């Protein structure tokens, strides 16, 4: 092979690699979409009005939670240079209560039934 043949072969191989990369990207996109379809396959359907009801229930649960109740927080106080008391740090410690409040409000929107048993 001479130099021109080798350069032509290199150019052809680079072009083939680029084309296959494009195909691989298409396959990756299709694979990701198909995986998402599989995840969504067994999800129950939710109507727009049901989604809005859930949103209102969550909003109600959050709005009725006692964020102003200092017992829901762990607060560390300190004195500043002027001798004033200041909040050094605070941490929300009753996340479980908030979660339970939200879950209760959302679950009240549905009638609970037993799961269907599958034969395996």
PDB file of N, CA and C in Angstrom:
ATOM      1  N   UNK A   1       0.845  -1.187   0.000  1.00  0.00           N
ATOM      2  CA  UNK A   1       0.000   0.000   0.000  1.00  0.00           C
ATOM      3  C   UNK A   1       0.881   1.239   0.000  1.00  0.00           C
ATOM      4  N   UNK A   2       0.437   2.223  -0.734  1.00  0.00           N
ATOM      5  CA  UNK A   2       1.183   3.472  -0.729  1.00  0.00           C
ATOM      6  C   UNK A   2       0.532   4.450   0.249  1.00  0.00           C
ATOM      7  N   UNK A   3       1.107   5.605   0.375  1.00  0.00           N
ATOM      8  CA  UNK A   3       0.645   6.603   1.346  1.00  0.00           C
ATOM      9  C   UNK A   3      -0.794   7.046   1.053  1.00  0.00           C
ATOM     10  N   UNK A   4      -1.113   7.246  -0.196  1.00  0.00           N
ATOM     11  CA  UNK A   4      -2.448   7.693  -0.584  1.00  0.00           C
ATOM     12  C   UNK A   4      -3.487   6.625  -0.232  1.00  0.00           C
ATOM     13  N   UNK A   5      -3.185   5.368  -0.454  1.00  0.00           N
ATOM     14  CA  UNK A   5      -4.099   4.277  -0.106  1.00  0.00           C
ATOM     15  C   UNK A   5      -4.335   4.224   1.400  1.00  0.00           C
ATOM     16  N   UNK A   6      -3.249   4.406   2.167  1.00  0.00           N
ATOM     17  CA  UNK A   6      -3.378   4.372   3.626  1.00  0.00           C
ATOM     18  C   UNK A   6      -4.213   5.551   4.128  1.00  0.00           C
ATOM     19  N   UNK A   7      -3.994   6.742   3.572  1.00  0.00           N
ATOM     20  CA  UNK A   7      -4.782   7.910   3.973  1.00  0.00           C
ATOM     21  C   UNK A   7      -6.263   7.708   3.627  1.00  0.00           C
ATOM     22  N   UNK A   8      -6.539   7.140   2.477  1.00  0.00           N
ATOM     23  CA  UNK A   8      -7.921   6.864   2.069  1.00  0.00           C
ATOM     24  C   UNK A   8      -8.552   5.836   3.003  1.00  0.00           C
ATOM     25  N   UNK A   9      -7.783   4.802   3.346  1.00  0.00           N
ATOM     26  CA  UNK A   9      -8.293   3.768   4.255  1.00  0.00           C
ATOM     27  C   UNK A   9      -8.586   4.364   5.636  1.00  0.00           C
ATOM     28  N   UNK A  10      -7.678   5.216   6.126  1.00  0.00           N
ATOM     29  CA  UNK A  10      -7.873   5.870   7.427  1.00  0.00           C
ATOM     30  C   UNK A  10      -9.127   6.735   7.392  1.00  0.00           C
ATOM     31  N   UNK A  11      -9.288   7.492   6.342  1.00  0.00           N
ATOM     32  CA  UNK A  11     -10.459   8.355   6.203  1.00  0.00           C
ATOM     33  C   UNK A  11     -11.744   7.523   6.183  1.00  0.00           C
ATOM     34  N   UNK A  12     -11.729   6.413   5.469  1.00  0.00           N
ATOM     35  CA  UNK A  12     -12.895   5.526   5.405  1.00  0.00           C
ATOM     36  C   UNK A  12     -13.211   4.913   6.758  1.00  0.00           C
ATOM     37  N   UNK A  13     -12.177   4.498   7.482  1.00  0.00           N
ATOM     38  CA  UNK A  13     -12.402   3.918   8.811  1.00  0.00           C
ATOM     39  C   UNK A  13     -12.942   4.956   9.791  1.00  0.00           C
ATOM     40  N   UNK A  14     -12.408   6.184   9.742  1.00  0.00           N
ATOM     41  CA  UNK A  14     -12.899   7.242  10.621  1.00  0.00           C
ATOM     42  C   UNK A  14     -14.366   7.552  10.327  1.00  0.00           C
ATOM     43  N   UNK A  15     -14.717   7.555   9.043  1.00  0.00           N
ATOM     44  CA  UNK A  15     -16.099   7.806   8.642  1.00  0.00           C
ATOM     45  C   UNK A  15     -17.006   6.677   9.146  1.00  0.00           C
ATOM     46  N   UNK A  16     -16.551   5.429   9.016  1.00  0.00           N
ATOM     47  CA  UNK A  16     -17.340   4.286   9.487  1.00  0.00           C
ATOM     48  C   UNK A  16     -17.537   4.353  11.001  1.00  0.00           C
ATOM     49  N   UNK A  17     -16.483   4.720  11.721  1.00  0.00           N
ATOM     50  CA  UNK A  17     -16.581   4.835  13.181  1.00  0.00           C
ATOM     51  C   UNK A  17     -17.582   5.917  13.550  1.00  0.00           C
ATOM     52  N   UNK A  18     -17.520   7.053  12.871  1.00  0.00           N
ATOM     53  CA  UNK A  18     -18.454   8.152  13.160  1.00  0.00           C
ATOM     54  C   UNK A  18     -19.886   7.716  12.903  1.00  0.00           C
ATOM     55  N   UNK A  19     -20.133   7.012  11.820  1.00  0.00           N
ATOM     56  CA  UNK A  19     -21.484   6.545  11.521  1.00  0.00           C
ATOM     57  C   UNK A  19     -21.983   5.583  12.591  1.00  0.00           C
ATOM     58  N   UNK A  20     -21.126   4.708  13.055  1.00  0.00           N
ATOM     59  CA  UNK A  20     -21.536   3.745  14.079  1.00  0.00           C
ATOM     60  C   UNK A  20     -21.755   4.422  15.425  1.00  0.00           C
ATOM     61  N   UNK A  21     -21.011   5.478  15.700  1.00  0.00           N
ATOM     62  CA  UNK A  21     -21.235   6.234  16.939  1.00  0.00           C
ATOM     63  C   UNK A  21     -22.616   6.864  16.891  1.00  0.00           C
ATOM     64  N   UNK A  22     -22.987   7.406  15.725  1.00  0.00           N
ATOM     65  CA  UNK A  22     -24.321   7.985  15.581  1.00  0.00           C
ATOM     66  C   UNK A  22     -25.394   6.930  15.827  1.00  0.00           C
ATOM     67  N   UNK A  23     -25.218   5.726  15.270  1.00  0.00           N
ATOM     68  CA  UNK A  23     -26.168   4.642  15.499  1.00  0.00           C
ATOM     69  C   UNK A  23     -26.199   4.247  16.978  1.00  0.00           C
ATOM     70  N   UNK A  24     -25.037   4.191  17.601  1.00  0.00           N
ATOM     71  CA  UNK A  24     -24.970   3.823  19.017  1.00  0.00           C
ATOM     72  C   UNK A  24     -25.722   4.857  19.862  1.00  0.00           C
ATOM     73  N   UNK A  25     -25.597   6.140  19.529  1.00  0.00           N
ATOM     74  CA  UNK A  25     -26.322   7.173  20.268  1.00  0.00           C
ATOM     75  C   UNK A  25     -27.828   7.003  20.105  1.00  0.00           C
ATOM     76  N   UNK A  26     -28.269   6.656  18.898  1.00  0.00           N
ATOM     77  CA  UNK A  26     -29.691   6.407  18.668  1.00  0.00           C
ATOM     78  C   UNK A  26     -30.168   5.221  19.500  1.00  0.00           C
ATOM     79  N   UNK A  27     -29.365   4.158  19.539  1.00  0.00           N
ATOM     80  CA  UNK A  27     -29.732   2.977  20.318  1.00  0.00           C
ATOM     81  C   UNK A  27     -29.774   3.307  21.811  1.00  0.00           C
ATOM     82  N   UNK A  28     -28.840   4.126  22.276  1.00  0.00           N
ATOM     83  CA  UNK A  28     -28.837   4.508  23.692  1.00  0.00           C
ATOM     84  C   UNK A  28     -30.099   5.280  24.041  1.00  0.00           C
ATOM     85  N   UNK A  29     -30.497   6.199  23.171  1.00  0.00           N
ATOM     86  CA  UNK A  29     -31.714   6.970  23.403  1.00  0.00           C
ATOM     87  C   UNK A  29     -32.939   6.061  23.410  1.00  0.00           C
ATOM     88  N   UNK A  30     -33.015   5.163  22.443  1.00  0.00           N
ATOM     89  CA  UNK A  30     -34.131   4.222  22.370  1.00  0.00           C
ATOM     90  C   UNK A  30     -34.154   3.314  23.596  1.00  0.00           C
ATOM     91  N   UNK A  31     -32.984   2.870  24.025  1.00  0.00           N
ATOM     92  CA  UNK A  31     -32.889   2.015  25.215  1.00  0.00           C
ATOM     93  C   UNK A  31     -33.383   2.761  26.451  1.00  0.00           C
ATOM     94  N   UNK A  32     -32.967   3.993  26.618  1.00  0.00           N
ATOM     95  CA  UNK A  32     -33.405   4.776  27.779  1.00  0.00           C
ATOM     96  C   UNK A  32     -34.919   4.985  27.757  1.00  0.00           C
ATOM     97  N   UNK A  33     -35.461   5.293  26.578  1.00  0.00           N
ATOM     98  CA  UNK A  33     -36.915   5.475  26.460  1.00  0.00           C
ATOM     99  C   UNK A  33     -37.655   4.187  26.784  1.00  0.00           C
ATOM    100  N   UNK A  34     -37.154   3.058  26.302  1.00  0.00           N
ATOM    101  CA  UNK A  34     -37.800   1.770  26.544  1.00  0.00           C
ATOM    102  C   UNK A  34     -37.723   1.391  28.021  1.00  0.00           C
ATOM    103  N   UNK A  35     -36.600   1.668  28.663  1.00  0.00           N
ATOM    104  CA  UNK A  35     -36.483   1.396  30.106  1.00  0.00           C
ATOM    105  C   UNK A  35     -37.490   2.224  30.888  1.00  0.00           C
ATOM    106  N   UNK A  36     -37.681   3.493  30.490  1.00  0.00           N
ATOM    107  CA  UNK A  36     -38.659   4.342  31.169  1.00  0.00           C
ATOM    108  C   UNK A  36     -40.074   3.824  30.951  1.00  0.00           C
ATOM    109  N   UNK A  37     -40.360   3.337  29.749  1.00  0.00           N
ATOM    110  CA  UNK A  37     -41.670   2.740  29.474  1.00  0.00           C
ATOM    111  C   UNK A  37     -41.914   1.537  30.375  1.00  0.00           C
ATOM    112  N   UNK A  38     -40.881   0.721  30.598  1.00  0.00           N
ATOM    113  CA  UNK A  38     -41.008  -0.439  31.484  1.00  0.00           C
ATOM    114  C   UNK A  38     -41.288   0.008  32.915  1.00  0.00           C
ATOM    115  N   UNK A  39     -40.599   1.042  33.367  1.00  0.00           N
ATOM    116  CA  UNK A  39     -40.838   1.564  34.716  1.00  0.00           C
ATOM    117  C   UNK A  39     -42.272   2.058  34.837  1.00  0.00           C
ATOM    118  N   UNK A  40     -42.761   2.731  33.796  1.00  0.00           N
ATOM    119  CA  UNK A  40     -44.105   3.303  33.825  1.00  0.00           C
ATOM    120  C   UNK A  40     -45.203   2.271  33.576  1.00  0.00           C
ATOM    121  N   UNK A  41     -44.857   1.097  33.079  1.00  0.00           N
ATOM    122  CA  UNK A  41     -45.848   0.117  32.634  1.00  0.00           C
ATOM    123  C   UNK A  41     -46.836  -0.265  33.736  1.00  0.00           C
ATOM    124  N   UNK A  42     -46.345  -0.553  34.931  1.00  0.00           N
ATOM    125  CA  UNK A  42     -47.218  -1.028  36.003  1.00  0.00           C
ATOM    126  C   UNK A  42     -47.717   0.081  36.918  1.00  0.00           C
ATOM    127  N   UNK A  43     -47.415   1.313  36.588  1.00  0.00           N
ATOM    128  CA  UNK A  43     -47.917   2.407  37.402  1.00  0.00           C
ATOM    129  C   UNK A  43     -49.417   2.554  37.172  1.00  0.00           C
ATOM    130  N   UNK A  44     -50.159   2.800  38.250  1.00  0.00           N
ATOM    131  CA  UNK A  44     -51.588   3.029  38.041  1.00  0.00           C
ATOM    132  C   UNK A  44     -51.800   4.363  37.333  1.00  0.00           C
ATOM    133  N   UNK A  45     -52.880   4.438  36.588  1.00  0.00           N
ATOM    134  CA  UNK A  45     -53.167   5.677  35.880  1.00  0.00           C
ATOM    135  C   UNK A  45     -53.714   6.700  36.859  1.00  0.00           C
ATOM    136  N   UNK A  46     -53.414   7.958  36.588  1.00  0.00           N
ATOM    137  CA  UNK A  46     -53.828   9.049  37.452  1.00  0.00           C
ATOM    138  C   UNK A  46     -54.439  10.124  36.566  1.00  0.00           C
ATOM    139  N   UNK A  47     -55.690  10.462  36.860  1.00  0.00           N
ATOM    140  CA  UNK A  47     -56.336  11.499  36.059  1.00  0.00           C
ATOM    141  C   UNK A  47     -55.868  12.874  36.523  1.00  0.00           C
ATOM    142  N   UNK A  48     -56.118  13.864  35.710  1.00  0.00           N
ATOM    143  CA  UNK A  48     -55.734  15.231  36.063  1.00  0.00           C
ATOM    144  C   UNK A  48     -56.444  15.666  37.334  1.00  0.00           C
ATOM    145  N   UNK A  49     -57.722  15.338  37.461  1.00  0.00           N
ATOM    146  CA  UNK A  49     -58.461  15.741  38.666  1.00  0.00           C
ATOM    147  C   UNK A  49     -57.927  15.029  39.908  1.00  0.00           C
ATOM    148  N   UNK A  50     -57.498  13.769  39.753  1.00  0.00           N
ATOM    149  CA  UNK A  50     -56.903  13.054  40.890  1.00  0.00           C
ATOM    150  C   UNK A  50     -55.574  13.691  41.279  1.00  0.00           C
ATOM    151  N   UNK A  51     -54.766  14.049  40.293  1.00  0.00           N
ATOM    152  CA  UNK A  51     -53.481  14.692  40.577  1.00  0.00           C
ATOM    153  C   UNK A  51     -53.700  16.025  41.289  1.00  0.00           C
ATOM    154  N   UNK A  52     -54.714  16.767  40.856  1.00  0.00           N
ATOM    155  CA  UNK A  52     -55.017  18.039  41.510  1.00  0.00           C
ATOM    156  C   UNK A  52     -55.492  17.816  42.943  1.00  0.00           C
ATOM    157  N   UNK A  53     -56.259  16.751  43.174  1.00  0.00           N
ATOM    158  CA  UNK A  53     -56.715  16.423  44.529  1.00  0.00           C
ATOM    159  C   UNK A  53     -55.538  16.066  45.423  1.00  0.00           C
ATOM    160  N   UNK A  54     -54.585  15.332  44.880  1.00  0.00           N
ATOM    161  CA  UNK A  54     -53.387  14.983  45.653  1.00  0.00           C
ATOM    162  C   UNK A  54     -52.599  16.249  45.972  1.00  0.00           C
ATOM    163  N   UNK A  55     -52.458  17.121  44.992  1.00  0.00           N
ATOM    164  CA  UNK A  55     -51.733  18.377  45.215  1.00  0.00           C
ATOM    165  C   UNK A  55     -52.400  19.195  46.327  1.00  0.00           C
ATOM    166  N   UNK A  56     -53.736  19.288  46.299  1.00  0.00           N
ATOM    167  CA  UNK A  56     -54.450  20.030  47.347  1.00  0.00           C
ATOM    168  C   UNK A  56     -54.255  19.369  48.709  1.00  0.00           C
ATOM    169  N   UNK A  57     -54.266  18.035  48.754  1.00  0.00           N
ATOM    170  CA  UNK A  57     -54.090  17.320  50.022  1.00  0.00           C
ATOM    171  C   UNK A  57     -52.703  17.565  50.598  1.00  0.00           C
ATOM    172  N   UNK A  58     -51.693  17.515  49.741  1.00  0.00           N
ATOM    173  CA  UNK A  58     -50.319  17.766  50.201  1.00  0.00           C
ATOM    174  C   UNK A  58     -50.196  19.211  50.671  1.00  0.00           C
ATOM    175  N   UNK A  59     -50.764  20.136  49.898  1.00  0.00           N
ATOM    176  CA  UNK A  59     -50.715  21.546  50.277  1.00  0.00           C
ATOM    177  C   UNK A  59     -51.386  21.766  51.624  1.00  0.00           C
ATOM    178  N   UNK A  60     -52.539  21.131  51.831  1.00  0.00           N
ATOM    179  CA  UNK A  60     -53.251  21.254  53.105  1.00  0.00           C
ATOM    180  C   UNK A  60     -52.421  20.677  54.253  1.00  0.00           C
ATOM    181  N   UNK A  61     -51.803  19.534  54.026  1.00  0.00           N
ATOM    182  CA  UNK A  61     -50.996  18.905  55.069  1.00  0.00           C
ATOM    183  C   UNK A  61     -49.811  19.780  55.448  1.00  0.00           C
ATOM    184  N   UNK A  62     -49.154  20.349  54.458  1.00  0.00           N
ATOM    185  CA  UNK A  62     -47.993  21.207  54.736  1.00  0.00           C
ATOM    186  C   UNK A  62     -48.442  22.498  55.405  1.00  0.00           C
ATOM    187  N   UNK A  63     -49.541  23.075  54.925  1.00  0.00           N
ATOM    188  CA  UNK A  63     -50.011  24.347  55.484  1.00  0.00           C
ATOM    189  C   UNK A  63     -50.508  24.211  56.913  1.00  0.00           C
ATOM    190  N   UNK A  64     -50.993  23.025  57.289  1.00  0.00           N
ATOM    191  CA  UNK A  64     -51.495  22.838  58.655  1.00  0.00           C
ATOM    192  C   UNK A  64     -50.415  22.326  59.605  1.00  0.00           C
ATOM    193  N   UNK A  65     -49.224  22.072  59.072  1.00  0.00           N
ATOM    194  CA  UNK A  65     -48.146  21.600  59.937  1.00  0.00           C
ATOM    195  C   UNK A  65     -47.599  22.774  60.740  1.00  0.00           C
ATOM    196  N   UNK A  66     -47.192  22.519  61.961  1.00  0.00           N
ATOM    197  CA  UNK A  66     -46.736  23.574  62.862  1.00  0.00           C
ATOM    198  C   UNK A  66     -45.285  23.975  62.669  1.00  0.00           C
ATOM    199  N   UNK A  67     -44.999  24.658  61.571  1.00  0.00           N
ATOM    200  CA  UNK A  67     -43.619  25.105  61.348  1.00  0.00           C
ATOM    201  C   UNK A  67     -43.201  26.185  62.345  1.00  0.00           C
ATOM    202  N   UNK A  68     -44.167  26.862  62.955  1.00  0.00           N
ATOM    203  CA  UNK A  68     -43.818  27.889  63.935  1.00  0.00           C
ATOM    204  C   UNK A  68     -43.631  27.302  65.329  1.00  0.00           C
ATOM    205  N   UNK A  69     -43.968  26.044  65.511  1.00  0.00           N
ATOM    206  CA  UNK A  69     -43.785  25.368  66.803  1.00  0.00           C
ATOM    207  C   UNK A  69     -42.310  25.072  66.989  1.00  0.00           C
ATOM    208  N   UNK A  70     -41.709  25.708  67.963  1.00  0.00           N
ATOM    209  CA  UNK A  70     -40.263  25.542  68.165  1.00  0.00           C
ATOM    210  C   UNK A  70     -39.889  24.136  68.606  1.00  0.00           C
ATOM    211  N   UNK A  71     -40.874  23.332  69.063  1.00  0.00           N
ATOM    212  CA  UNK A  71     -40.576  21.951  69.424  1.00  0.00           C
ATOM    213  C   UNK A  71     -40.243  21.099  68.201  1.00  0.00           C
ATOM    214  N   UNK A  72     -40.559  21.600  67.006  1.00  0.00           N
ATOM    215  CA  UNK A  72     -40.240  20.884  65.776  1.00  0.00           C
ATOM    216  C   UNK A  72     -38.800  21.125  65.316  1.00  0.00           C
ATOM    217  N   UNK A  73     -38.078  21.943  66.048  1.00  0.00           N
ATOM    218  CA  UNK A  73     -36.713  22.288  65.663  1.00  0.00           C
ATOM    219  C   UNK A  73     -35.758  22.073  66.820  1.00  0.00           C
ATOM    220  N   UNK A  74     -34.540  21.770  66.473  1.00  0.00           N
ATOM    221  CA  UNK A  74     -33.463  21.739  67.454  1.00  0.00           C
ATOM    222  C   UNK A  74     -32.649  23.002  67.221  1.00  0.00           C
ATOM    223  N   UNK A  75     -32.625  23.868  68.224  1.00  0.00           N
ATOM    224  CA  UNK A  75     -32.009  25.189  68.057  1.00  0.00           C
ATOM    225  C   UNK A  75     -30.825  25.310  69.006  1.00  0.00           C
ATOM    226  N   UNK A  76     -29.714  25.777  68.466  1.00  0.00           N
ATOM    227  CA  UNK A  76     -28.532  26.072  69.277  1.00  0.00           C
ATOM    228  C   UNK A  76     -28.384  27.585  69.346  1.00  0.00           C
ATOM    229  N   UNK A  77     -28.345  28.104  70.564  1.00  0.00           N
ATOM    230  CA  UNK A  77     -28.224  29.544  70.760  1.00  0.00           C
ATOM    231  C   UNK A  77     -26.789  29.895  71.136  1.00  0.00           C
ATOM    232  N   UNK A  78     -26.444  31.148  70.893  1.00  0.00           N
ATOM    233  CA  UNK A  78     -25.138  31.652  71.316  1.00  0.00           C
ATOM    234  C   UNK A  78     -25.265  33.139  71.593  1.00  0.00           C
ATOM    235  N   UNK A  79     -24.237  33.681  72.174  1.00  0.00           N
ATOM    236  CA  UNK A  79     -24.184  35.122  72.422  1.00  0.00           C
ATOM    237  C   UNK A  79     -23.269  35.759  71.391  1.00  0.00           C
ATOM    238  N   UNK A  80     -23.724  36.869  70.819  1.00  0.00           N
ATOM    239  CA  UNK A  80     -22.852  37.547  69.861  1.00  0.00           C
ATOM    240  C   UNK A  80     -21.953  38.529  70.611  1.00  0.00           C
ATOM    241  N   UNK A  81     -21.164  39.294  69.893  1.00  0.00           N
ATOM    242  CA  UNK A  81     -20.200  40.202  70.511  1.00  0.00           C
ATOM    243  C   UNK A  81     -20.858  41.319  71.307  1.00  0.00           C
ATOM    244  N   UNK A  82     -22.097  41.655  70.986  1.00  0.00           N
ATOM    245  CA  UNK A  82     -22.817  42.708  71.709  1.00  0.00           C
ATOM    246  C   UNK A  82     -23.597  42.158  72.888  1.00  0.00           C
ATOM    247  N   UNK A  83     -23.456  40.869  73.167  1.00  0.00           N
ATOM    248  CA  UNK A  83     -24.155  40.255  74.291  1.00  0.00           C
ATOM    249  C   UNK A  83     -25.592  39.894  73.955  1.00  0.00           C
ATOM    250  N   UNK A  84     -25.939  39.910  72.692  1.00  0.00           N
ATOM    251  CA  UNK A  84     -27.285  39.540  72.290  1.00  0.00           C
ATOM    252  C   UNK A  84     -27.346  38.037  72.017  1.00  0.00           C
ATOM    253  N   UNK A  85     -28.491  37.443  72.350  1.00  0.00           N
ATOM    254  CA  UNK A  85     -28.697  36.025  72.082  1.00  0.00           C
ATOM    255  C   UNK A  85     -29.059  35.882  70.601  1.00  0.00           C
ATOM    256  N   UNK A  86     -28.416  34.927  69.979  1.00  0.00           N
ATOM    257  CA  UNK A  86     -28.721  34.679  68.560  1.00  0.00           C
ATOM    258  C   UNK A  86     -28.833  33.181  68.327  1.00  0.00           C
ATOM    259  N   UNK A  87     -29.518  32.851  67.265  1.00  0.00           N
ATOM    260  CA  UNK A  87     -29.651  31.456  66.870  1.00  0.00           C
ATOM    261  C   UNK A  87     -28.391  31.079  66.099  1.00  0.00           C
ATOM    262  N   UNK A  88     -27.618  30.199  66.682  1.00  0.00           N
ATOM    263  CA  UNK A  88     -26.378  29.749  66.041  1.00  0.00           C
ATOM    264  C   UNK A  88     -26.691  28.803  64.885  1.00  0.00           C
ATOM    265  N   UNK A  89     -27.621  27.885  65.150  1.00  0.00           N
ATOM    266  CA  UNK A  89     -28.047  26.952  64.114  1.00  0.00           C
ATOM    267  C   UNK A  89     -29.405  26.391  64.504  1.00  0.00           C
ATOM    268  N   UNK A  90     -30.120  25.919  63.509  1.00  0.00           N
ATOM    269  CA  UNK A  90     -31.403  25.259  63.770  1.00  0.00           C
ATOM    270  C   UNK A  90     -31.561  24.130  62.771  1.00  0.00           C
ATOM    271  N   UNK A  91     -32.228  23.075  63.235  1.00  0.00           N
ATOM    272  CA  UNK A  91     -32.417  21.894  62.409  1.00  0.00           C
ATOM    273  C   UNK A  91     -33.850  21.405  62.583  1.00  0.00           C
ATOM    274  N   UNK A  92     -34.510  21.139  61.473  1.00  0.00           N
ATOM    275  CA  UNK A  92     -35.868  20.602  61.504  1.00  0.00           C
ATOM    276  C   UNK A  92     -35.775  19.139  61.903  1.00  0.00           C
ATOM    277  N   UNK A  93     -36.399  18.763  63.011  1.00  0.00           N
ATOM    278  CA  UNK A  93     -36.237  17.407  63.537  1.00  0.00           C
ATOM    279  C   UNK A  93     -37.510  16.567  63.464  1.00  0.00           C
ATOM    280  N   UNK A  94     -38.611  17.150  63.028  1.00  0.00           N
ATOM    281  CA  UNK A  94     -39.861  16.398  62.997  1.00  0.00           C
ATOM    282  C   UNK A  94     -40.314  16.104  61.579  1.00  0.00           C
ATOM    283  N   UNK A  95     -39.389  15.741  60.731  1.00  0.00           N
ATOM    284  CA  UNK A  95     -39.718  15.389  59.356  1.00  0.00           C
ATOM    285  C   UNK A  95     -40.676  14.220  59.282  1.00  0.00           C
ATOM    286  N   UNK A  96     -40.540  13.278  60.212  1.00  0.00           N
ATOM    287  CA  UNK A  96     -41.436  12.115  60.214  1.00  0.00           C
ATOM    288  C   UNK A  96     -42.884  12.535  60.450  1.00  0.00           C
ATOM    289  N   UNK A  97     -43.091  13.512  61.327  1.00  0.00           N
ATOM    290  CA  UNK A  97     -44.446  13.992  61.575  1.00  0.00           C
ATOM    291  C   UNK A  97     -45.024  14.649  60.327  1.00  0.00           C
ATOM    292  N   UNK A  98     -44.212  15.421  59.634  1.00  0.00           N
ATOM    293  CA  UNK A  98     -44.667  16.061  58.403  1.00  0.00           C
ATOM    294  C   UNK A  98     -45.008  15.010  57.344  1.00  0.00           C
ATOM    295  N   UNK A  99     -44.142  14.019  57.206  1.00  0.00           N
ATOM    296  CA  UNK A  99     -44.389  12.943  56.241  1.00  0.00           C
ATOM    297  C   UNK A  99     -45.676  12.211  56.579  1.00  0.00           C
ATOM    298  N   UNK A 100     -45.870  11.875  57.833  1.00  0.00           N
ATOM    299  CA  UNK A 100     -47.088  11.176  58.247  1.00  0.00           C
ATOM    300  C   UNK A 100     -48.329  12.027  57.982  1.00  0.00           C
ATOM    301  N   UNK A 101     -48.225  13.323  58.211  1.00  0.00           N
ATOM    302  CA  UNK A 101     -49.329  14.237  57.959  1.00  0.00           C
ATOM    303  C   UNK A 101     -49.698  14.233  56.471  1.00  0.00           C
ATOM    304  N   UNK A 102     -48.690  14.293  55.607  1.00  0.00           N
ATOM    305  CA  UNK A 102     -48.918  14.288  54.157  1.00  0.00           C
ATOM    306  C   UNK A 102     -49.505  12.947  53.718  1.00  0.00           C
ATOM    307  N   UNK A 103     -48.916  11.858  54.189  1.00  0.00           N
ATOM    308  CA  UNK A 103     -49.396  10.528  53.803  1.00  0.00           C
ATOM    309  C   UNK A 103     -50.849  10.341  54.232  1.00  0.00           C
ATOM    310  N   UNK A 104     -51.182  10.770  55.441  1.00  0.00           N
ATOM    311  CA  UNK A 104     -52.568  10.638  55.907  1.00  0.00           C
ATOM    312  C   UNK A 104     -53.531  11.398  55.007  1.00  0.00           C
ATOM    313  N   UNK A 105     -53.182  12.626  54.651  1.00  0.00           N
ATOM    314  CA  UNK A 105     -54.067  13.435  53.797  1.00  0.00           C
ATOM    315  C   UNK A 105     -54.221  12.811  52.413  1.00  0.00           C
ATOM    316  N   UNK A 106     -53.128  12.317  51.848  1.00  0.00           N
ATOM    317  CA  UNK A 106     -53.196  11.716  50.513  1.00  0.00           C
ATOM    318  C   UNK A 106     -53.954  10.389  50.567  1.00  0.00           C
ATOM    319  N   UNK A 107     -53.684   9.569  51.560  1.00  0.00           N
ATOM    320  CA  UNK A 107     -54.357   8.271  51.656  1.00  0.00           C
ATOM    321  C   UNK A 107     -55.849   8.416  51.883  1.00  0.00           C
ATOM    322  N   UNK A 108     -56.269   9.517  52.499  1.00  0.00           N
ATOM    323  CA  UNK A 108     -57.699   9.743  52.698  1.00  0.00           C
ATOM    324  C   UNK A 108     -58.433   9.996  51.385  1.00  0.00           C
ATOM    325  N   UNK A 109     -57.698  10.232  50.312  1.00  0.00           N
ATOM    326  CA  UNK A 109     -58.305  10.430  49.000  1.00  0.00           C
ATOM    327  C   UNK A 109     -58.656   9.106  48.328  1.00  0.00           C
ATOM    328  N   UNK A 110     -58.172   7.997  48.870  1.00  0.00           N
ATOM    329  CA  UNK A 110     -58.335   6.702  48.223  1.00  0.00           C
ATOM    330  C   UNK A 110     -59.007   5.714  49.156  1.00  0.00           C
ATOM    331  N   UNK A 111     -59.617   4.706  48.555  1.00  0.00           N
ATOM    332  CA  UNK A 111     -60.146   3.571  49.308  1.00  0.00           C
ATOM    333  C   UNK A 111     -59.065   2.505  49.273  1.00  0.00           C
ATOM    334  N   UNK A 112     -58.686   2.025  50.418  1.00  0.00           N
ATOM    335  CA  UNK A 112     -57.611   1.029  50.489  1.00  0.00           C
ATOM    336  C   UNK A 112     -58.185  -0.357  50.272  1.00  0.00           C
ATOM    337  N   UNK A 113     -57.533  -1.116  49.405  1.00  0.00           N
ATOM    338  CA  UNK A 113     -57.927  -2.502  49.134  1.00  0.00           C
ATOM    339  C   UNK A 113     -56.689  -3.377  49.241  1.00  0.00           C
ATOM    340  N   UNK A 114     -56.910  -4.651  49.418  1.00  0.00           N
ATOM    341  CA  UNK A 114     -55.803  -5.588  49.487  1.00  0.00           C
ATOM    342  C   UNK A 114     -55.170  -5.762  48.125  1.00  0.00           C
ATOM    343  N   UNK A 115     -53.865  -5.991  48.100  1.00  0.00           N
ATOM    344  CA  UNK A 115     -53.164  -6.279  46.861  1.00  0.00           C
ATOM    345  C   UNK A 115     -53.640  -7.615  46.313  1.00  0.00           C
ATOM    346  N   UNK A 116     -53.720  -7.698  44.992  1.00  0.00           N
ATOM    347  CA  UNK A 116     -54.053  -8.975  44.375  1.00  0.00           C
ATOM    348  C   UNK A 116     -52.885  -9.918  44.515  1.00  0.00           C
ATOM    349  N   UNK A 117     -53.190 -11.152  44.885  1.00  0.00           N
ATOM    350  CA  UNK A 117     -52.124 -12.159  45.005  1.00  0.00           C
ATOM    351  C   UNK A 117     -51.850 -12.738  43.636  1.00  0.00           C
ATOM    352  N   UNK A 118     -50.569 -12.850  43.307  1.00  0.00           N
ATOM    353  CA  UNK A 118     -50.199 -13.434  42.034  1.00  0.00           C
ATOM    354  C   UNK A 118     -49.666 -14.835  42.275  1.00  0.00           C
ATOM    355  N   UNK A 119     -49.965 -15.724  41.355  1.00  0.00           N
ATOM    356  CA  UNK A 119     -49.459 -17.107  41.447  1.00  0.00           C
ATOM    357  C   UNK A 119     -48.074 -17.156  40.808  1.00  0.00           C
ATOM    358  N   UNK A 120     -47.123 -17.498  41.602  1.00  0.00           N
ATOM    359  CA  UNK A 120     -45.747 -17.587  41.074  1.00  0.00           C
ATOM    360  C   UNK A 120     -45.256 -18.998  41.144  1.00  0.00           C
TER     361      UNK A 120
END
